[in-house]
C-alpha atoms as a PDB file:
ATOM      1  CA  MET A   1      70.127  52.395  31.383  1.00  0.00           C
ATOM      2  CA  ASN A   2      66.819  51.061  33.101  1.00  0.00           C
ATOM      3  CA  THR A   3      68.698  47.971  34.866  1.00  0.00           C
ATOM      4  CA  THR A   4      65.086  46.699  36.377  1.00  0.00           C
ATOM      5  CA  PRO A   5      64.253  43.064  36.013  1.00  0.00           C
ATOM      6  CA  VAL A   6      61.098  44.252  33.849  1.00  0.00           C
ATOM      7  CA  ALA A   7      63.804  45.608  31.285  1.00  0.00           C
ATOM      8  CA  ALA A   8      66.317  43.181  31.849  1.00  0.00           C
ATOM      9  CA  ALA A   9      63.769  40.198  30.593  1.00  0.00           C
ATOM     10  CA  ARG A  10      62.813  42.604  27.664  1.00  0.00           C
ATOM     11  CA  ASP A  11      66.265  43.092  26.986  1.00  0.00           C
ATOM     12  CA  ILE A  12      67.173  39.615  26.167  1.00  0.00           C
ATOM     13  CA  LEU A  13      64.040  38.824  23.860  1.00  0.00           C
ATOM     14  CA  GLY A  14      64.896  38.903  20.474  1.00  0.00           C
ATOM     15  CA  PRO A  15      63.990  41.217  17.745  1.00  0.00           C
ATOM     16  CA  ASN A  16      60.931  39.527  16.711  1.00  0.00           C
ATOM     17  CA  ASN A  17      59.768  39.335  20.972  1.00  0.00           C
ATOM     18  CA  ILE A  18      60.093  35.414  20.606  1.00  0.00           C
ATOM     19  CA  LEU A  19      61.511  33.624  23.751  1.00  0.00           C
ATOM     20  CA  THR A  20      64.689  32.179  22.719  1.00  0.00           C
ATOM     21  CA  THR A  21      66.306  31.248  25.452  1.00  0.00           C
ATOM     22  CA  GLY A  22      65.668  30.201  29.453  1.00  0.00           C
ATOM     23  CA  GLU A  23      67.137  33.624  30.689  1.00  0.00           C
ATOM     24  CA  TYR A  24      63.684  34.966  30.130  1.00  0.00           C
ATOM     25  CA  ALA A  25      61.586  33.084  32.458  1.00  0.00           C
ATOM     26  CA  HIS A  26      64.389  33.705  35.184  1.00  0.00           C
ATOM     27  CA  GLN A  27      64.191  37.354  35.294  1.00  0.00           C
ATOM     28  CA  LEU A  28      59.992  36.958  35.129  1.00  0.00           C
ATOM     29  CA  GLN A  29      60.712  35.014  38.308  1.00  0.00           C
ATOM     30  CA  LYS A  30      62.464  37.864  39.611  1.00  0.00           C
ATOM     31  CA  LEU A  31      59.744  40.887  39.587  1.00  0.00           C
ATOM     32  CA  SER A  32      59.476  42.489  42.528  1.00  0.00           C
ATOM     33  CA  GLN A  33      55.805  42.112  44.308  1.00  0.00           C
ATOM     34  CA  GLU A  34      56.120  46.306  44.248  1.00  0.00           C
ATOM     35  CA  GLU A  35      56.824  46.123  40.099  1.00  0.00           C
ATOM     36  CA  ILE A  36      53.596  43.855  39.714  1.00  0.00           C
ATOM     37  CA  GLU A  37      51.214  45.917  41.681  1.00  0.00           C
ATOM     38  CA  LYS A  38      52.777  48.928  39.520  1.00  0.00           C
ATOM     39  CA  GLY A  39      51.885  46.858  36.553  1.00  0.00           C
ATOM     40  CA  LEU A  40      47.784  46.502  37.927  1.00  0.00           C
ATOM     41  CA  SER A  41      47.263  49.430  39.498  1.00  0.00           C
ATOM     42  CA  ARG A  42      47.261  51.269  35.591  1.00  0.00           C
ATOM     43  CA  PHE A  43      44.198  48.730  35.098  1.00  0.00           C
ATOM     44  CA  SER A  44      40.307  49.455  36.283  1.00  0.00           C
ATOM     45  CA  PRO A  45      39.521  47.722  39.612  1.00  0.00           C
ATOM     46  CA  GLU A  46      36.999  45.324  37.735  1.00  0.00           C
ATOM     47  CA  GLU A  47      39.567  44.073  35.486  1.00  0.00           C
ATOM     48  CA  GLN A  48      42.461  44.148  37.912  1.00  0.00           C
ATOM     49  CA  THR A  49      39.881  41.562  39.794  1.00  0.00           C
ATOM     50  CA  LEU A  50      39.526  39.634  36.689  1.00  0.00           C
ATOM     51  CA  ARG A  51      42.988  39.752  36.046  1.00  0.00           C
ATOM     52  CA  ILE A  52      43.862  38.084  39.409  1.00  0.00           C
ATOM     53  CA  GLU A  53      41.320  35.436  38.679  1.00  0.00           C
ATOM     54  CA  LEU A  54      42.322  34.603  35.254  1.00  0.00           C
ATOM     55  CA  ALA A  55      46.263  34.043  36.257  1.00  0.00           C
ATOM     56  CA  ALA A  56      44.731  31.858  39.427  1.00  0.00           C
ATOM     57  CA  ALA A  57      42.869  30.022  36.429  1.00  0.00           C
ATOM     58  CA  TYR A  58      45.675  29.118  34.610  1.00  0.00           C
ATOM     59  CA  ARG A  59      47.965  28.140  37.826  1.00  0.00           C
ATOM     60  CA  TYR A  60      44.936  25.643  38.939  1.00  0.00           C
ATOM     61  CA  PHE A  61      45.064  24.207  35.145  1.00  0.00           C
ATOM     62  CA  ALA A  62      48.784  23.593  36.050  1.00  0.00           C
ATOM     63  CA  HIS A  63      48.033  22.647  39.495  1.00  0.00           C
ATOM     64  CA  MET A  64      45.323  19.517  38.359  1.00  0.00           C
ATOM     65  CA  HIS A  65      47.807  18.906  35.380  1.00  0.00           C
ATOM     66  CA  TRP A  66      45.553  19.905  33.009  1.00  0.00           C
ATOM     67  CA  ASP A  67      48.002  22.434  30.501  1.00  0.00           C
ATOM     68  CA  GLU A  68      49.938  21.345  27.855  1.00  0.00           C
ATOM     69  CA  LEU A  69      53.069  22.726  27.552  1.00  0.00           C
ATOM     70  CA  ILE A  70      52.393  26.648  26.524  1.00  0.00           C
ATOM     71  CA  PHE A  71      49.585  25.757  24.204  1.00  0.00           C
ATOM     72  CA  ASN A  72      45.483  25.890  25.144  1.00  0.00           C
ATOM     73  CA  HIS A  73      43.935  28.645  26.368  1.00  0.00           C
ATOM     74  CA  ILE A  74      41.613  29.902  28.884  1.00  0.00           C
ATOM     75  CA  THR A  75      40.045  34.088  28.351  1.00  0.00           C
ATOM     76  CA  VAL A  76      37.887  35.879  29.945  1.00  0.00           C
ATOM     77  CA  ARG A  77      35.761  39.264  28.854  1.00  0.00           C
ATOM     78  CA  VAL A  78      36.488  43.043  29.802  1.00  0.00           C
ATOM     79  CA  PRO A  79      35.060  45.853  29.286  1.00  0.00           C
ATOM     80  CA  SER A  80      37.111  48.343  26.883  1.00  0.00           C
ATOM     81  CA  GLU A  81      38.121  51.339  28.618  1.00  0.00           C
ATOM     82  CA  GLY A  82      35.546  54.004  28.064  1.00  0.00           C
ATOM     83  CA  GLY A  83      32.180  51.892  28.640  1.00  0.00           C
ATOM     84  CA  ASP A  84      31.468  51.007  25.147  1.00  0.00           C
ATOM     85  CA  ASP A  85      29.975  47.807  24.505  1.00  0.00           C
ATOM     86  CA  LYS A  86      33.033  46.511  22.300  1.00  0.00           C
ATOM     87  CA  HIS A  87      34.450  44.131  24.817  1.00  0.00           C
ATOM     88  CA  HIS A  88      38.471  43.199  25.063  1.00  0.00           C
ATOM     89  CA  PHE A  89      39.419  39.742  26.120  1.00  0.00           C
ATOM     90  CA  LEU A  90      42.520  38.510  28.437  1.00  0.00           C
ATOM     91  CA  ILE A  91      44.649  35.885  27.236  1.00  0.00           C
ATOM     92  CA  ASN A  92      47.795  34.206  28.158  1.00  0.00           C
ATOM     93  CA  PRO A  93      50.789  35.368  26.746  1.00  0.00           C
ATOM     94  CA  PHE A  94      52.663  32.788  24.171  1.00  0.00           C
ATOM     95  CA  GLY A  95      55.422  31.411  25.813  1.00  0.00           C
ATOM     96  CA  LEU A  96      54.670  30.871  29.321  1.00  0.00           C
ATOM     97  CA  MET A  97      54.092  27.606  30.724  1.00  0.00           C
ATOM     98  CA  PHE A  98      50.873  27.895  32.770  1.00  0.00           C
ATOM     99  CA  ASP A  99      52.032  27.934  36.391  1.00  0.00           C
ATOM    100  CA  GLU A 100      54.082  31.279  35.225  1.00  0.00           C
ATOM    101  CA  VAL A 101      51.122  33.337  34.366  1.00  0.00           C
ATOM    102  CA  THR A 102      50.569  36.412  36.350  1.00  0.00           C
ATOM    103  CA  ALA A 103      47.919  38.655  36.381  1.00  0.00           C
ATOM    104  CA  SER A 104      49.732  41.122  35.299  1.00  0.00           C
ATOM    105  CA  SER A 105      51.801  39.589  32.452  1.00  0.00           C
ATOM    106  CA  LEU A 106      47.705  38.856  30.336  1.00  0.00           C
ATOM    107  CA  VAL A 107      47.634  39.805  27.567  1.00  0.00           C
ATOM    108  CA  LYS A 108      44.502  41.886  26.609  1.00  0.00           C
ATOM    109  CA  ILE A 109      43.475  41.701  22.955  1.00  0.00           C
ATOM    110  CA  ASP A 110      40.034  42.484  20.892  1.00  0.00           C
ATOM    111  CA  ILE A 111      37.152  40.039  19.582  1.00  0.00           C
ATOM    112  CA  ASP A 112      39.798  39.720  16.456  1.00  0.00           C
ATOM    113  CA  GLY A 113      43.026  39.078  18.511  1.00  0.00           C
ATOM    114  CA  ASN A 114      44.775  42.099  18.026  1.00  0.00           C
ATOM    115  CA  ILE A 115      46.698  43.459  20.997  1.00  0.00           C
ATOM    116  CA  ILE A 116      45.831  46.408  23.045  1.00  0.00           C
ATOM    117  CA  ASP A 117      47.843  45.547  26.168  1.00  0.00           C
ATOM    118  CA  PRO A 118      51.075  43.063  25.891  1.00  0.00           C
ATOM    119  CA  GLY A 119      50.964  42.909  29.450  1.00  0.00           C
ATOM    120  CA  ASN A 120      54.732  42.840  31.037  1.00  0.00           C
ATOM    121  CA  THR A 121      56.371  40.327  28.962  1.00  0.00           C
ATOM    122  CA  GLY A 122      56.392  41.460  25.026  1.00  0.00           C
ATOM    123  CA  LEU A 123      55.487  37.617  24.351  1.00  0.00           C
ATOM    124  CA  GLY A 124      52.568  38.129  22.240  1.00  0.00           C
ATOM    125  CA  ILE A 125      49.757  35.453  21.442  1.00  0.00           C
ATOM    126  CA  LEU A 126      49.121  32.547  19.461  1.00  0.00           C
ATOM    127  CA  ARG A 127      46.468  33.792  17.362  1.00  0.00           C
ATOM    128  CA  ALA A 128      45.917  30.408  15.709  1.00  0.00           C
ATOM    129  CA  GLY A 129      44.856  29.140  19.062  1.00  0.00           C
ATOM    130  CA  TYR A 130      42.116  31.968  19.536  1.00  0.00           C
ATOM    131  CA  ILE A 131      39.905  30.460  17.217  1.00  0.00           C
ATOM    132  CA  ILE A 132      37.885  28.358  18.916  1.00  0.00           C
ATOM    133  CA  HIS A 133      37.639  31.024  21.740  1.00  0.00           C
ATOM    134  CA  SER A 134      37.010  33.709  19.606  1.00  0.00           C
ATOM    135  CA  ALA A 135      34.377  32.210  17.878  1.00  0.00           C
ATOM    136  CA  ILE A 136      32.262  31.491  20.602  1.00  0.00           C
ATOM    137  CA  HIS A 137      32.998  34.937  22.467  1.00  0.00           C
ATOM    138  CA  LYS A 138      31.576  36.454  18.954  1.00  0.00           C
ATOM    139  CA  ALA A 139      28.275  34.454  19.293  1.00  0.00           C
ATOM    140  CA  ARG A 140      27.909  34.002  22.921  1.00  0.00           C
ATOM    141  CA  PRO A 141      28.198  37.180  24.447  1.00  0.00           C
ATOM    142  CA  ASP A 142      26.415  35.713  27.368  1.00  0.00           C
ATOM    143  CA  LEU A 143      29.708  33.595  28.156  1.00  0.00           C
ATOM    144  CA  HIS A 144      32.416  35.453  30.036  1.00  0.00           C
ATOM    145  CA  CYS A 145      35.027  33.184  30.488  1.00  0.00           C
ATOM    146  CA  ILE A 146      36.132  29.848  28.099  1.00  0.00           C
ATOM    147  CA  ALA A 147      38.318  27.464  29.303  1.00  0.00           C
ATOM    148  CA  HIS A 148      40.126  24.825  26.695  1.00  0.00           C
ATOM    149  CA  THR A 149      42.007  22.119  27.605  1.00  0.00           C
ATOM    150  CA  HIS A 150      43.799  18.716  26.215  1.00  0.00           C
ATOM    151  CA  SER A 151      43.582  16.932  29.655  1.00  0.00           C
ATOM    152  CA  LEU A 152      44.362  13.131  29.253  1.00  0.00           C
ATOM    153  CA  ALA A 153      41.060  11.919  30.694  1.00  0.00           C
ATOM    154  CA  GLY A 154      39.005  14.411  28.512  1.00  0.00           C
ATOM    155  CA  SER A 155      41.372  13.360  25.600  1.00  0.00           C
ATOM    156  CA  ALA A 156      40.718   9.796  26.045  1.00  0.00           C
ATOM    157  CA  VAL A 157      36.979  10.120  25.942  1.00  0.00           C
ATOM    158  CA  SER A 158      37.107  12.640  22.832  1.00  0.00           C
ATOM    159  CA  CYS A 159      38.676   9.282  20.964  1.00  0.00           C
ATOM    160  CA  MET A 160      35.212   7.229  22.484  1.00  0.00           C
ATOM    161  CA  LYS A 161      32.324   6.497  20.274  1.00  0.00           C
ATOM    162  CA  PHE A 162      30.011   6.714  22.648  1.00  0.00           C
ATOM    163  CA  GLY A 163      30.964   9.892  24.016  1.00  0.00           C
ATOM    164  CA  LEU A 164      30.661  10.650  27.645  1.00  0.00           C
ATOM    165  CA  LEU A 165      28.617   8.086  29.373  1.00  0.00           C
ATOM    166  CA  PRO A 166      25.877   8.967  32.506  1.00  0.00           C
ATOM    167  CA  LEU A 167      28.017   6.845  34.945  1.00  0.00           C
ATOM    168  CA  HIS A 168      28.288   8.563  37.868  1.00  0.00           C
ATOM    169  CA  GLN A 169      26.734  12.114  39.395  1.00  0.00           C
ATOM    170  CA  ALA A 170      29.605  13.278  37.989  1.00  0.00           C
ATOM    171  CA  ALA A 171      28.978  13.020  34.506  1.00  0.00           C
ATOM    172  CA  GLN A 172      25.017  13.748  35.750  1.00  0.00           C
ATOM    173  CA  VAL A 173      26.218  17.411  36.728  1.00  0.00           C
ATOM    174  CA  VAL A 174      26.997  17.880  32.876  1.00  0.00           C
ATOM    175  CA  THR A 175      23.528  18.375  31.764  1.00  0.00           C
ATOM    176  CA  ASP A 176      24.558  20.629  28.676  1.00  0.00           C
ATOM    177  CA  LEU A 177      27.273  18.803  26.889  1.00  0.00           C
ATOM    178  CA  ALA A 178      27.769  19.682  23.310  1.00  0.00           C
ATOM    179  CA  TYR A 179      29.793  17.640  20.704  1.00  0.00           C
ATOM    180  CA  HIS A 180      32.104  18.717  17.773  1.00  0.00           C
ATOM    181  CA  ASP A 181      33.825  16.820  15.176  1.00  0.00           C
ATOM    182  CA  TYR A 182      37.315  16.876  14.085  1.00  0.00           C
ATOM    183  CA  GLU A 183      38.003  18.966  11.492  1.00  0.00           C
ATOM    184  CA  GLY A 184      41.994  18.760  12.284  1.00  0.00           C
ATOM    185  CA  ILE A 185      44.205  21.247  13.705  1.00  0.00           C
ATOM    186  CA  ALA A 186      41.586  24.031  15.424  1.00  0.00           C
ATOM    187  CA  VAL A 187      43.989  27.041  12.919  1.00  0.00           C
ATOM    188  CA  GLU A 188      41.143  27.397   9.645  1.00  0.00           C
ATOM    189  CA  GLU A 189      38.540  30.414  10.614  1.00  0.00           C
ATOM    190  CA  GLU A 190      35.964  28.457   8.295  1.00  0.00           C
ATOM    191  CA  GLU A 191      35.831  26.213  11.179  1.00  0.00           C
ATOM    192  CA  GLN A 192      34.641  28.458  13.824  1.00  0.00           C
ATOM    193  CA  ALA A 193      30.829  28.658  12.585  1.00  0.00           C
ATOM    194  CA  ARG A 194      30.304  24.970  12.842  1.00  0.00           C
ATOM    195  CA  ILE A 195      31.746  25.076  16.422  1.00  0.00           C
ATOM    196  CA  VAL A 196      29.386  27.761  17.283  1.00  0.00           C
ATOM    197  CA  ALA A 197      26.446  25.632  15.753  1.00  0.00           C
ATOM    198  CA  ASP A 198      27.488  22.657  17.970  1.00  0.00           C
ATOM    199  CA  LEU A 199      27.328  24.543  20.805  1.00  0.00           C
ATOM    200  CA  GLY A 200      23.976  26.133  20.111  1.00  0.00           C
ATOM    201  CA  PRO A 201      22.482  29.199  22.082  1.00  0.00           C
ATOM    202  CA  THR A 202      22.242  27.359  25.439  1.00  0.00           C
ATOM    203  CA  LYS A 203      25.012  24.729  26.108  1.00  0.00           C
ATOM    204  CA  ARG A 204      27.978  25.734  27.975  1.00  0.00           C
ATOM    205  CA  SER A 205      29.837  22.676  27.730  1.00  0.00           C
ATOM    206  CA  MET A 206      31.390  20.829  24.681  1.00  0.00           C
ATOM    207  CA  ILE A 207      34.100  17.363  23.677  1.00  0.00           C
ATOM    208  CA  LEU A 208      35.889  18.235  20.848  1.00  0.00           C
ATOM    209  CA  ARG A 209      36.027  14.992  19.305  1.00  0.00           C
ATOM    210  CA  HIS A 210      39.772  13.194  18.780  1.00  0.00           C
ATOM    211  CA  HIS A 211      40.904  16.690  20.699  1.00  0.00           C
ATOM    212  CA  GLY A 212      39.950  17.467  24.311  1.00  0.00           C
ATOM    213  CA  LEU A 213      37.325  19.373  26.533  1.00  0.00           C
ATOM    214  CA  LEU A 214      35.985  22.991  26.636  1.00  0.00           C
ATOM    215  CA  THR A 215      33.996  24.782  29.092  1.00  0.00           C
ATOM    216  CA  ALA A 216      32.535  28.442  29.600  1.00  0.00           C
ATOM    217  CA  GLY A 217      30.566  30.319  32.054  1.00  0.00           C
ATOM    218  CA  GLY A 218      29.124  33.692  33.127  1.00  0.00           C
ATOM    219  CA  THR A 219      32.381  33.926  35.186  1.00  0.00           C
ATOM    220  CA  VAL A 220      35.728  32.591  35.853  1.00  0.00           C
ATOM    221  CA  GLY A 221      34.370  30.334  38.710  1.00  0.00           C
ATOM    222  CA  GLU A 222      31.463  28.625  36.643  1.00  0.00           C
ATOM    223  CA  THR A 223      33.755  27.870  33.768  1.00  0.00           C
ATOM    224  CA  MET A 224      36.674  26.339  36.198  1.00  0.00           C
ATOM    225  CA  THR A 225      33.794  24.684  38.019  1.00  0.00           C
ATOM    226  CA  ARG A 226      32.580  23.055  34.820  1.00  0.00           C
ATOM    227  CA  MET A 227      35.513  22.154  33.842  1.00  0.00           C
ATOM    228  CA  TYR A 228      36.182  20.269  36.943  1.00  0.00           C
ATOM    229  CA  TYR A 229      33.182  17.849  36.927  1.00  0.00           C
ATOM    230  CA  LEU A 230      33.527  17.215  33.189  1.00  0.00           C
ATOM    231  CA  ASN A 231      37.235  16.210  33.535  1.00  0.00           C
ATOM    232  CA  ARG A 232      35.975  14.567  36.786  1.00  0.00           C
ATOM    233  CA  ALA A 233      33.344  12.794  34.711  1.00  0.00           C
ATOM    234  CA  CYS A 234      36.298  11.560  32.153  1.00  0.00           C
ATOM    235  CA  GLU A 235      38.576  10.559  34.669  1.00  0.00           C
ATOM    236  CA  ILE A 236      35.760   8.322  35.990  1.00  0.00           C
ATOM    237  CA  GLN A 237      34.745   7.080  33.219  1.00  0.00           C
ATOM    238  CA  VAL A 238      38.001   5.462  31.969  1.00  0.00           C
ATOM    239  CA  ALA A 239      38.752   4.201  35.179  1.00  0.00           C
ATOM    240  CA  ALA A 240      35.379   2.326  35.200  1.00  0.00           C
ATOM    241  CA  LEU A 241      36.246   1.120  31.667  1.00  0.00           C
ATOM    242  CA  SER A 242      38.826  -0.768  33.118  1.00  0.00           C
ATOM    243  CA  ALA A 243      36.807  -3.486  33.897  1.00  0.00           C
ATOM    244  CA  GLY A 244      34.954  -3.946  30.319  1.00  0.00           C
ATOM    245  CA  TYR A 245      32.110  -1.648  29.144  1.00  0.00           C
ATOM    246  CA  ASP A 246      29.776  -5.019  29.943  1.00  0.00           C
ATOM    247  CA  ASN A 247      30.821  -5.015  33.227  1.00  0.00           C
ATOM    248  CA  LEU A 248      29.666  -1.477  33.868  1.00  0.00           C
ATOM    249  CA  VAL A 249      26.143  -0.506  35.843  1.00  0.00           C
ATOM    250  CA  PHE A 250      24.435   2.634  34.714  1.00  0.00           C
ATOM    251  CA  PRO A 251      22.347   4.676  37.396  1.00  0.00           C
ATOM    252  CA  SER A 252      18.482   4.501  36.651  1.00  0.00           C
ATOM    253  CA  SER A 253      16.360   7.089  34.902  1.00  0.00           C
ATOM    254  CA  ALA A 254      14.673   7.955  37.684  1.00  0.00           C
ATOM    255  CA  SER A 255      17.649   9.057  39.663  1.00  0.00           C
ATOM    256  CA  GLN A 256      18.954  10.650  36.158  1.00  0.00           C
ATOM    257  CA  ASP A 257      15.849  12.882  35.711  1.00  0.00           C
ATOM    258  CA  ALA A 258      15.941  13.722  39.830  1.00  0.00           C
ATOM    259  CA  ASN A 259      19.700  14.641  39.302  1.00  0.00           C
ATOM    260  CA  THR A 260      19.324  16.971  36.166  1.00  0.00           C
ATOM    261  CA  LEU A 261      16.332  18.822  38.106  1.00  0.00           C
ATOM    262  CA  TYR A 262      18.760  19.409  41.033  1.00  0.00           C
ATOM    263  CA  VAL A 263      21.543  20.463  38.643  1.00  0.00           C
ATOM    264  CA  ASP A 264      19.396  22.971  36.268  1.00  0.00           C
ATOM    265  CA  LYS A 265      18.580  24.511  39.336  1.00  0.00           C
ATOM    266  CA  LEU A 266      22.097  25.279  40.504  1.00  0.00           C
ATOM    267  CA  HIS A 267      22.844  26.394  37.023  1.00  0.00           C
ATOM    268  CA  SER A 268      20.366  28.709  36.803  1.00  0.00           C
ATOM    269  CA  SER A 269      20.821  30.329  39.961  1.00  0.00           C
ATOM    270  CA  GLY A 270      23.855  32.695  38.327  1.00  0.00           C
ATOM    271  CA  LYS A 271      25.857  31.919  41.228  1.00  0.00           C
ATOM    272  CA  TRP A 272      27.655  28.129  40.622  1.00  0.00           C
ATOM    273  CA  GLY A 273      31.168  27.724  40.784  1.00  0.00           C
ATOM    274  CA  ASP A 274      30.936  30.844  43.226  1.00  0.00           C
ATOM    275  CA  LEU A 275      32.016  29.523  46.672  1.00  0.00           C
ATOM    276  CA  GLU A 276      34.339  26.796  44.728  1.00  0.00           C
ATOM    277  CA  TYR A 277      36.549  28.989  43.127  1.00  0.00           C
ATOM    278  CA  LYS A 278      37.277  30.922  46.548  1.00  0.00           C
ATOM    279  CA  ALA A 279      38.473  28.052  47.990  1.00  0.00           C
ATOM    280  CA  ILE A 280      40.390  27.639  44.327  1.00  0.00           C
ATOM    281  CA  MET A 281      42.047  30.469  45.346  1.00  0.00           C
ATOM    282  CA  ARG A 282      43.342  29.812  48.735  1.00  0.00           C
ATOM    283  CA  MET A 283      45.104  27.021  47.284  1.00  0.00           C
END
C-alpha cells in the first residue's frame, strides 16, 4: 500500500472529496520538497513559473490580511497543452487557507470551470466563486491575472456613497477605476454580462459595491501591485474620514492631472509591478 504523505492525505478524504477533518491539512504540511518538485515537473516551464508566482500571490494576500477564510480567488491564464488558443486557468483548491496554497496544489480549469488538472489535493474548486473571474477572462483576453478580495478597508469604502476619493497619491495611482452595483452574492451567471459592461474594454480596477475590490493585469505582478495601491488608498481614506468629511483637504486638480500623466505612462510601459513583485516574492 502506498504510504507517502500525498497518498495518506488523499486517503483521509471522504468519498466526495470534501475536507472533513484537520488531518488533511496536517498531512499536506508533511509533503517533502522532493514530492513538491516532482509535482511541478510534469508542467511546462511557463506553467511552472506561473504556478510559483500565483502561489506566492495567495501567500502575500494572507500576509496582508486580504484573505477571508477559504473564500475568494486569484486566477491566472496559462496556455493549454498543445499550443492552441483555448487557454486554461489556475485557481486555488477550495478548502485551503491562502497561506496553505502551494504551486503544486493549484487546480487547472478551463474557462467554464471544468477541472483539467486537480493539483495534489483532490479538493476541487468553488465553482460559484468563479463567476466573476470567468466573466472577465472571457471578455478581456488582455487580462491574464484577476484578484478579488473582501479586505476590511476595501469593503468599507465599497459601502461609501462617494466611493474612492482622490485624497492621497495612492488613490491617484488608480486611474482606471470602475464600479459594479451590488446584486447579492455573486453566484448567478446572469450577472456576468453586467460585471463585464461595468469594467469596460480598458479598465483594470473595480470596486464592487457592498462587496470588495478587484484588480486585473497582464501579469501576476501588475495585478498584485494594482491591488496594493487600491487597498492602500482605501485604508488611507478610512483613516482620514475619522476626522470627519468636512475636515478633509483634497489635492489640487493640477496635481491630480500631473499624477495621472505620470501613472498612465507607467501603466502603458507593460512592466508595471515587475520589480515590486520580485521583491514581494522574496518576503
